[in-house]
Structure formats: C-alpha cells, structure tokens
Amino acid sequence: MRTLILFSALAAVYCSKDHTPPKVQVYSFNPGKYGMQNTLICHVSGFHPPDIDIQLMKNGKEVRDSQLTDLAFIKNWQFHLNKRVDFTPERGDYYSCRVTHGFHQKDFAWEPNM
C-alpha cells in the first residue's frame, strides 16, 4: 500500500503543471560538408522533470558511441544536457536527435545547409 501511495504521489508530481517540455537544438560543430568529419550535437534545455532520453540517429537508427554530458540545472530547476558524436555526413544521409521526455517522443532534424 505504501508503494502505491508513493507511486501515485510521484505520478502526480510528474504530471503536474511543472512539466516543462524541452527546447532542442541540433547542429554540427563545423559547417556541414559532405565527406568531412564533424561532430553532431544535440542540445536539450529548459525541461523539467529531469527524466529524459536523448538518441542521436542516422537514417532512423541510433548512432552508437555518442557521449552525454552531465545533467545540469539552473536556479528554477530547469535542466539541460548535450549529446554528441563524431560523424561524417554523406549525401542522402538523414541525421536527427530523438528526445523522449515523459510520454512524449519527437525527432528533430539536423539541417546541414550544404
């Protein structure tokens, strides 16, 4: 019974008005050039609660060996994270950042501007 009460309390907090969706920016360290090594970065900020999953994707499949920064927050308990991976874009490849926060999942495309 105690577990049920705790779970209900946590669910109420999680689903409360304090649930703030993340702002997401997907960009590369250097300007995008086909065939040139670069770093793909997904910057996720301004979200609460801190439970979040970030995946860097290539053509719909997760890119392995990505690195995640430590979770950080600012004074109003809004969190931010970066995830990055080295990559070499090729013509026809599609890169994105998939963010799952709570029950919401969304993909954000990298725009290479090439």
N, C-alpha and C. Protein backbone atom coordinates (compact mmCIF):
# COMPACT_ATOMS: atom_id res chain seq x y z
N MET A 1 0.82 -1.19 0.00
CA MET A 1 0.00 0.00 0.00
C MET A 1 0.86 1.26 0.00
N ARG A 2 1.92 1.22 0.80
CA ARG A 2 2.83 2.37 0.86
C ARG A 2 3.46 2.67 -0.49
N THR A 3 3.83 1.60 -1.21
CA THR A 3 4.43 1.75 -2.53
C THR A 3 3.44 2.39 -3.49
N LEU A 4 2.19 1.97 -3.43
CA LEU A 4 1.16 2.53 -4.28
C LEU A 4 0.96 4.02 -4.00
N ILE A 5 0.96 4.40 -2.75
CA ILE A 5 0.82 5.81 -2.39
C ILE A 5 2.01 6.62 -2.90
N LEU A 6 3.21 6.09 -2.72
CA LEU A 6 4.41 6.77 -3.20
C LEU A 6 4.37 6.92 -4.71
N PHE A 7 4.02 5.85 -5.41
CA PHE A 7 3.94 5.90 -6.87
C PHE A 7 2.91 6.93 -7.31
N SER A 8 1.76 6.95 -6.67
CA SER A 8 0.70 7.92 -7.00
C SER A 8 1.18 9.35 -6.78
N ALA A 9 1.90 9.56 -5.70
CA ALA A 9 2.43 10.90 -5.41
C ALA A 9 3.45 11.32 -6.46
N LEU A 10 4.34 10.40 -6.83
CA LEU A 10 5.33 10.71 -7.86
C LEU A 10 4.66 10.97 -9.20
N ALA A 11 3.66 10.19 -9.55
CA ALA A 11 2.94 10.38 -10.81
C ALA A 11 2.24 11.74 -10.82
N ALA A 12 1.68 12.14 -9.69
CA ALA A 12 1.00 13.43 -9.60
C ALA A 12 1.99 14.57 -9.80
N VAL A 13 3.16 14.45 -9.21
CA VAL A 13 4.19 15.48 -9.38
C VAL A 13 4.65 15.51 -10.82
N TYR A 14 4.88 14.35 -11.41
CA TYR A 14 5.40 14.27 -12.77
C TYR A 14 4.40 14.86 -13.77
N CYS A 15 3.13 14.63 -13.55
CA CYS A 15 2.09 15.08 -14.48
C CYS A 15 1.56 16.46 -14.13
N SER A 16 2.14 17.10 -13.15
CA SER A 16 1.64 18.40 -12.71
C SER A 16 2.00 19.49 -13.70
N LYS A 17 1.57 20.68 -13.40
CA LYS A 17 1.83 21.83 -14.27
C LYS A 17 3.31 22.15 -14.36
N ASP A 18 4.14 21.56 -13.50
CA ASP A 18 5.58 21.82 -13.53
C ASP A 18 6.28 21.06 -14.65
N HIS A 19 5.53 20.28 -15.41
CA HIS A 19 6.11 19.53 -16.52
C HIS A 19 6.41 20.51 -17.66
N THR A 20 7.69 20.75 -17.91
CA THR A 20 8.10 21.69 -18.94
C THR A 20 8.79 20.93 -20.06
N PRO A 21 8.27 21.00 -21.30
CA PRO A 21 8.90 20.27 -22.40
C PRO A 21 10.25 20.87 -22.77
N PRO A 22 11.15 20.05 -23.31
CA PRO A 22 12.49 20.54 -23.65
C PRO A 22 12.52 21.39 -24.91
N LYS A 23 13.48 22.29 -24.94
CA LYS A 23 13.83 23.01 -26.16
C LYS A 23 15.00 22.25 -26.76
N VAL A 24 14.98 21.99 -28.05
CA VAL A 24 16.00 21.15 -28.67
C VAL A 24 16.65 21.88 -29.84
N GLN A 25 17.99 21.84 -29.88
CA GLN A 25 18.76 22.38 -30.99
C GLN A 25 19.69 21.28 -31.49
N VAL A 26 19.68 21.04 -32.80
CA VAL A 26 20.55 20.03 -33.41
C VAL A 26 21.46 20.77 -34.38
N TYR A 27 22.76 20.63 -34.19
CA TYR A 27 23.70 21.35 -35.04
C TYR A 27 25.02 20.59 -35.09
N SER A 28 25.88 21.02 -35.99
CA SER A 28 27.21 20.42 -36.09
C SER A 28 28.24 21.43 -35.61
N PHE A 29 29.35 20.91 -35.10
CA PHE A 29 30.41 21.77 -34.57
C PHE A 29 30.95 22.69 -35.67
N ASN A 30 31.20 22.12 -36.84
CA ASN A 30 31.67 22.88 -38.00
C ASN A 30 30.55 22.94 -39.03
N PRO A 31 30.62 23.88 -39.98
CA PRO A 31 29.62 23.87 -41.05
C PRO A 31 29.64 22.51 -41.75
N GLY A 32 28.45 22.03 -42.13
CA GLY A 32 28.35 20.71 -42.75
C GLY A 32 28.96 20.65 -44.14
N LYS A 33 29.81 19.66 -44.36
CA LYS A 33 30.39 19.41 -45.68
C LYS A 33 30.40 17.90 -45.88
N TYR A 34 29.83 17.45 -47.01
CA TYR A 34 29.81 16.02 -47.28
C TYR A 34 31.23 15.46 -47.33
N GLY A 35 31.41 14.32 -46.70
CA GLY A 35 32.70 13.64 -46.72
C GLY A 35 33.71 14.17 -45.71
N MET A 36 33.36 15.19 -44.95
CA MET A 36 34.28 15.78 -43.98
C MET A 36 33.83 15.43 -42.57
N GLN A 37 34.79 14.94 -41.75
CA GLN A 37 34.45 14.58 -40.38
C GLN A 37 34.00 15.82 -39.61
N ASN A 38 33.03 15.61 -38.72
CA ASN A 38 32.42 16.70 -37.97
C ASN A 38 31.92 16.13 -36.64
N THR A 39 31.26 16.94 -35.85
CA THR A 39 30.63 16.49 -34.62
C THR A 39 29.18 16.93 -34.63
N LEU A 40 28.28 15.96 -34.47
CA LEU A 40 26.85 16.23 -34.39
C LEU A 40 26.49 16.46 -32.93
N ILE A 41 25.77 17.54 -32.64
CA ILE A 41 25.46 17.92 -31.27
C ILE A 41 23.95 18.11 -31.13
N CYS A 42 23.41 17.57 -30.05
CA CYS A 42 22.00 17.79 -29.70
C CYS A 42 21.99 18.46 -28.33
N HIS A 43 21.54 19.69 -28.30
CA HIS A 43 21.47 20.47 -27.06
C HIS A 43 20.01 20.51 -26.63
N VAL A 44 19.73 19.98 -25.45
CA VAL A 44 18.37 19.90 -24.92
C VAL A 44 18.34 20.72 -23.63
N SER A 45 17.42 21.68 -23.55
CA SER A 45 17.42 22.59 -22.41
C SER A 45 16.00 22.96 -21.97
N GLY A 46 15.93 23.55 -20.78
CA GLY A 46 14.70 24.12 -20.27
C GLY A 46 13.63 23.12 -19.91
N PHE A 47 13.99 21.88 -19.58
CA PHE A 47 12.98 20.87 -19.29
C PHE A 47 12.93 20.52 -17.81
N HIS A 48 11.77 20.03 -17.41
CA HIS A 48 11.53 19.55 -16.05
C HIS A 48 10.36 18.60 -16.10
N PRO A 49 10.38 17.49 -15.47
CA PRO A 49 11.41 16.91 -14.60
C PRO A 49 12.60 16.41 -15.41
N PRO A 50 13.67 15.98 -14.72
CA PRO A 50 14.92 15.64 -15.39
C PRO A 50 14.92 14.29 -16.11
N ASP A 51 13.89 13.49 -16.00
CA ASP A 51 13.83 12.18 -16.65
C ASP A 51 13.70 12.37 -18.16
N ILE A 52 14.77 12.08 -18.91
CA ILE A 52 14.79 12.33 -20.36
C ILE A 52 15.72 11.33 -21.03
N ASP A 53 15.42 11.01 -22.28
CA ASP A 53 16.27 10.13 -23.07
C ASP A 53 16.58 10.84 -24.38
N ILE A 54 17.85 10.88 -24.75
CA ILE A 54 18.29 11.55 -25.97
C ILE A 54 19.04 10.54 -26.82
N GLN A 55 18.64 10.40 -28.09
CA GLN A 55 19.31 9.50 -29.01
C GLN A 55 19.70 10.27 -30.26
N LEU A 56 20.93 10.09 -30.72
CA LEU A 56 21.35 10.64 -32.00
C LEU A 56 21.11 9.56 -33.05
N MET A 57 20.46 9.95 -34.15
CA MET A 57 20.00 9.00 -35.14
C MET A 57 20.63 9.27 -36.51
N LYS A 58 20.90 8.19 -37.24
CA LYS A 58 21.33 8.28 -38.64
C LYS A 58 20.40 7.38 -39.44
N ASN A 59 19.65 7.98 -40.36
CA ASN A 59 18.72 7.23 -41.20
C ASN A 59 17.76 6.37 -40.37
N GLY A 60 17.32 6.91 -39.22
CA GLY A 60 16.35 6.23 -38.38
C GLY A 60 16.90 5.21 -37.40
N LYS A 61 18.22 5.02 -37.38
CA LYS A 61 18.84 4.07 -36.45
C LYS A 61 19.77 4.82 -35.51
N GLU A 62 19.79 4.38 -34.24
CA GLU A 62 20.62 5.06 -33.25
C GLU A 62 22.10 4.93 -33.57
N VAL A 63 22.81 6.04 -33.45
CA VAL A 63 24.26 6.07 -33.64
C VAL A 63 24.91 5.70 -32.31
N ARG A 64 25.76 4.71 -32.32
CA ARG A 64 26.44 4.26 -31.10
C ARG A 64 27.65 5.15 -30.81
N ASP A 65 28.21 4.99 -29.63
CA ASP A 65 29.42 5.70 -29.20
C ASP A 65 29.22 7.20 -29.03
N SER A 66 27.99 7.62 -28.79
CA SER A 66 27.77 9.04 -28.52
C SER A 66 28.09 9.33 -27.06
N GLN A 67 28.35 10.58 -26.77
CA GLN A 67 28.73 11.00 -25.42
C GLN A 67 27.69 11.98 -24.88
N LEU A 68 27.30 11.76 -23.63
CA LEU A 68 26.31 12.59 -22.96
C LEU A 68 26.99 13.38 -21.85
N THR A 69 26.69 14.67 -21.78
CA THR A 69 27.22 15.48 -20.69
C THR A 69 26.47 15.16 -19.40
N ASP A 70 26.97 15.66 -18.30
CA ASP A 70 26.27 15.51 -17.02
C ASP A 70 25.03 16.40 -17.02
N LEU A 71 24.00 15.94 -16.35
CA LEU A 71 22.78 16.70 -16.20
C LEU A 71 23.08 17.95 -15.37
N ALA A 72 22.65 19.09 -15.84
CA ALA A 72 22.86 20.35 -15.12
C ALA A 72 21.53 21.09 -15.05
N PHE A 73 21.42 22.01 -14.09
CA PHE A 73 20.20 22.78 -13.96
C PHE A 73 20.53 24.22 -13.60
N ILE A 74 19.52 25.07 -13.82
CA ILE A 74 19.64 26.47 -13.43
C ILE A 74 18.70 26.72 -12.26
N LYS A 75 18.69 27.91 -11.75
CA LYS A 75 18.03 28.22 -10.49
C LYS A 75 16.55 27.84 -10.42
N ASN A 76 15.83 27.80 -11.53
CA ASN A 76 14.40 27.47 -11.47
C ASN A 76 14.14 25.99 -11.73
N TRP A 77 15.15 25.15 -11.55
CA TRP A 77 15.06 23.69 -11.70
C TRP A 77 14.70 23.26 -13.11
N GLN A 78 15.15 24.04 -14.08
CA GLN A 78 15.04 23.60 -15.46
C GLN A 78 16.40 23.04 -15.85
N PHE A 79 16.38 21.87 -16.48
CA PHE A 79 17.60 21.11 -16.74
C PHE A 79 18.09 21.28 -18.17
N HIS A 80 19.37 20.92 -18.39
CA HIS A 80 19.91 20.91 -19.75
C HIS A 80 21.00 19.85 -19.87
N LEU A 81 21.12 19.33 -21.09
CA LEU A 81 22.07 18.27 -21.45
C LEU A 81 22.54 18.47 -22.88
N ASN A 82 23.71 17.93 -23.18
CA ASN A 82 24.21 17.84 -24.56
C ASN A 82 24.56 16.39 -24.85
N LYS A 83 24.29 15.95 -26.05
CA LYS A 83 24.75 14.65 -26.51
C LYS A 83 25.44 14.89 -27.83
N ARG A 84 26.58 14.23 -28.04
CA ARG A 84 27.34 14.48 -29.27
C ARG A 84 28.00 13.20 -29.76
N VAL A 85 28.32 13.21 -31.04
CA VAL A 85 29.01 12.07 -31.65
C VAL A 85 29.77 12.57 -32.88
N ASP A 86 30.93 12.00 -33.11
CA ASP A 86 31.66 12.31 -34.34
C ASP A 86 30.95 11.63 -35.50
N PHE A 87 30.87 12.31 -36.63
CA PHE A 87 30.22 11.75 -37.81
C PHE A 87 30.79 12.35 -39.07
N THR A 88 30.59 11.66 -40.19
CA THR A 88 30.99 12.15 -41.50
C THR A 88 29.74 12.10 -42.38
N PRO A 89 29.10 13.23 -42.61
CA PRO A 89 27.87 13.23 -43.39
C PRO A 89 28.14 12.88 -44.86
N GLU A 90 27.24 12.09 -45.42
CA GLU A 90 27.30 11.74 -46.83
C GLU A 90 25.96 12.13 -47.46
N ARG A 91 25.99 12.45 -48.73
CA ARG A 91 24.78 12.84 -49.45
C ARG A 91 23.73 11.73 -49.30
N GLY A 92 22.51 12.12 -48.94
CA GLY A 92 21.41 11.17 -48.78
C GLY A 92 21.20 10.68 -47.36
N ASP A 93 22.17 10.91 -46.47
CA ASP A 93 22.01 10.50 -45.07
C ASP A 93 21.15 11.53 -44.35
N TYR A 94 20.36 11.03 -43.40
CA TYR A 94 19.47 11.88 -42.62
C TYR A 94 19.85 11.72 -41.15
N TYR A 95 20.22 12.82 -40.51
CA TYR A 95 20.60 12.80 -39.10
C TYR A 95 19.56 13.54 -38.27
N SER A 96 19.31 13.02 -37.07
CA SER A 96 18.33 13.67 -36.19
C SER A 96 18.66 13.36 -34.74
N CYS A 97 17.95 14.06 -33.88
CA CYS A 97 18.04 13.86 -32.44
C CYS A 97 16.64 13.47 -31.98
N ARG A 98 16.53 12.29 -31.37
CA ARG A 98 15.24 11.81 -30.85
C ARG A 98 15.22 12.05 -29.34
N VAL A 99 14.24 12.80 -28.90
CA VAL A 99 14.12 13.16 -27.49
C VAL A 99 12.82 12.56 -26.93
N THR A 100 12.96 11.80 -25.85
CA THR A 100 11.80 11.25 -25.15
C THR A 100 11.77 11.86 -23.76
N HIS A 101 10.69 12.60 -23.48
CA HIS A 101 10.53 13.27 -22.19
C HIS A 101 9.13 12.95 -21.70
N GLY A 102 9.06 12.21 -20.61
CA GLY A 102 7.76 11.75 -20.14
C GLY A 102 7.19 10.77 -21.15
N PHE A 103 5.98 11.02 -21.60
CA PHE A 103 5.34 10.14 -22.58
C PHE A 103 5.42 10.70 -23.99
N HIS A 104 6.21 11.75 -24.18
CA HIS A 104 6.30 12.42 -25.48
C HIS A 104 7.65 12.12 -26.12
N GLN A 105 7.59 11.76 -27.39
CA GLN A 105 8.82 11.50 -28.16
C GLN A 105 8.74 12.30 -29.45
N LYS A 106 9.86 12.92 -29.81
CA LYS A 106 9.89 13.73 -31.02
C LYS A 106 11.28 13.69 -31.62
N ASP A 107 11.35 13.68 -32.95
CA ASP A 107 12.62 13.73 -33.67
C ASP A 107 12.84 15.16 -34.17
N PHE A 108 14.09 15.62 -34.06
CA PHE A 108 14.49 16.95 -34.52
C PHE A 108 15.61 16.76 -35.52
N ALA A 109 15.42 17.24 -36.73
CA ALA A 109 16.36 17.01 -37.83
C ALA A 109 17.56 17.94 -37.76
N TRP A 110 18.70 17.43 -38.20
CA TRP A 110 19.89 18.26 -38.43
C TRP A 110 19.77 18.82 -39.84
N GLU A 111 19.90 20.11 -39.95
CA GLU A 111 19.85 20.78 -41.26
C GLU A 111 21.27 21.12 -41.67
N PRO A 112 21.83 20.36 -42.63
CA PRO A 112 23.24 20.55 -42.96
C PRO A 112 23.57 21.84 -43.70
N ASN A 113 22.60 22.45 -44.39
CA ASN A 113 22.85 23.67 -45.15
C ASN A 113 24.01 23.53 -46.13
N MET A 114 24.05 22.40 -46.81
CA MET A 114 25.13 22.16 -47.79
C MET A 114 24.61 22.34 -49.18
